[in-house]
């Protein structure tokens, strides 16, 4: 399916477009886990 057909299907709300997406390569942008170190004073812990 080319982009023009996909856009038309989305704009016309003809049917659910999820079936036309390749969800095997999905990822959420800026949601990768990151490790940080935080030092607290002993009274906080």
C-alpha atoms as a PDB file:
ATOM      1  CA  UNK A   1       0.000   0.000   0.000  1.00  0.00           C
ATOM      2  CA  UNK A   2       1.449   3.373  -0.903  1.00  0.00           C
ATOM      3  CA  UNK A   3       1.278   6.476   1.267  1.00  0.00           C
ATOM      4  CA  UNK A   4      -1.432   8.122  -0.832  1.00  0.00           C
ATOM      5  CA  UNK A   5      -3.807   5.156  -0.438  1.00  0.00           C
ATOM      6  CA  UNK A   6      -3.047   4.963   3.273  1.00  0.00           C
ATOM      7  CA  UNK A   7      -3.739   8.685   3.749  1.00  0.00           C
ATOM      8  CA  UNK A   8      -6.986   8.438   1.812  1.00  0.00           C
ATOM      9  CA  UNK A   9      -8.142   5.477   3.898  1.00  0.00           C
ATOM     10  CA  UNK A  10      -7.302   7.369   7.090  1.00  0.00           C
ATOM     11  CA  UNK A  11      -8.932  10.627   5.964  1.00  0.00           C
ATOM     12  CA  UNK A  12     -12.100   8.922   4.720  1.00  0.00           C
ATOM     13  CA  UNK A  13     -12.366   6.866   7.914  1.00  0.00           C
ATOM     14  CA  UNK A  14     -13.232   3.867   5.753  1.00  0.00           C
ATOM     15  CA  UNK A  15     -11.995   1.210   8.119  1.00  0.00           C
ATOM     16  CA  UNK A  16      -9.549   0.590  10.895  1.00  0.00           C
ATOM     17  CA  UNK A  17      -6.024   1.356   9.658  1.00  0.00           C
ATOM     18  CA  UNK A  18      -4.257  -0.700  12.329  1.00  0.00           C
ATOM     19  CA  UNK A  19      -4.408  -3.764  10.075  1.00  0.00           C
ATOM     20  CA  UNK A  20      -2.290  -1.893   7.511  1.00  0.00           C
ATOM     21  CA  UNK A  21       0.489  -0.994   9.956  1.00  0.00           C
ATOM     22  CA  UNK A  22       3.634  -3.021  10.598  1.00  0.00           C
ATOM     23  CA  UNK A  23       3.576  -3.162  14.389  1.00  0.00           C
ATOM     24  CA  UNK A  24       6.543  -5.541  14.648  1.00  0.00           C
ATOM     25  CA  UNK A  25       8.969  -2.597  14.544  1.00  0.00           C
ATOM     26  CA  UNK A  26       7.034  -0.270  16.833  1.00  0.00           C
ATOM     27  CA  UNK A  27       8.765   1.702  19.558  1.00  0.00           C
ATOM     28  CA  UNK A  28       7.985   4.693  21.712  1.00  0.00           C
ATOM     29  CA  UNK A  29      10.239   7.651  21.110  1.00  0.00           C
ATOM     30  CA  UNK A  30      12.330   8.801  24.090  1.00  0.00           C
ATOM     31  CA  UNK A  31      11.022   5.951  26.254  1.00  0.00           C
ATOM     32  CA  UNK A  32      14.213   3.899  26.507  1.00  0.00           C
ATOM     33  CA  UNK A  33      15.179   3.172  30.118  1.00  0.00           C
ATOM     34  CA  UNK A  34      18.082   5.195  31.483  1.00  0.00           C
ATOM     35  CA  UNK A  35      20.114   4.595  34.614  1.00  0.00           C
ATOM     36  CA  UNK A  36      20.789   7.492  36.946  1.00  0.00           C
ATOM     37  CA  UNK A  37      22.475   7.786  40.324  1.00  0.00           C
ATOM     38  CA  UNK A  38      20.973   9.911  43.061  1.00  0.00           C
ATOM     39  CA  UNK A  39      22.567  10.605  46.413  1.00  0.00           C
ATOM     40  CA  UNK A  40      20.254  11.247  49.353  1.00  0.00           C
ATOM     41  CA  UNK A  41      21.239  12.196  52.866  1.00  0.00           C
ATOM     42  CA  UNK A  42      20.794   9.354  55.335  1.00  0.00           C
ATOM     43  CA  UNK A  43      17.857  11.045  57.083  1.00  0.00           C
ATOM     44  CA  UNK A  44      15.841  10.862  53.828  1.00  0.00           C
ATOM     45  CA  UNK A  45      16.231   7.129  53.550  1.00  0.00           C
END
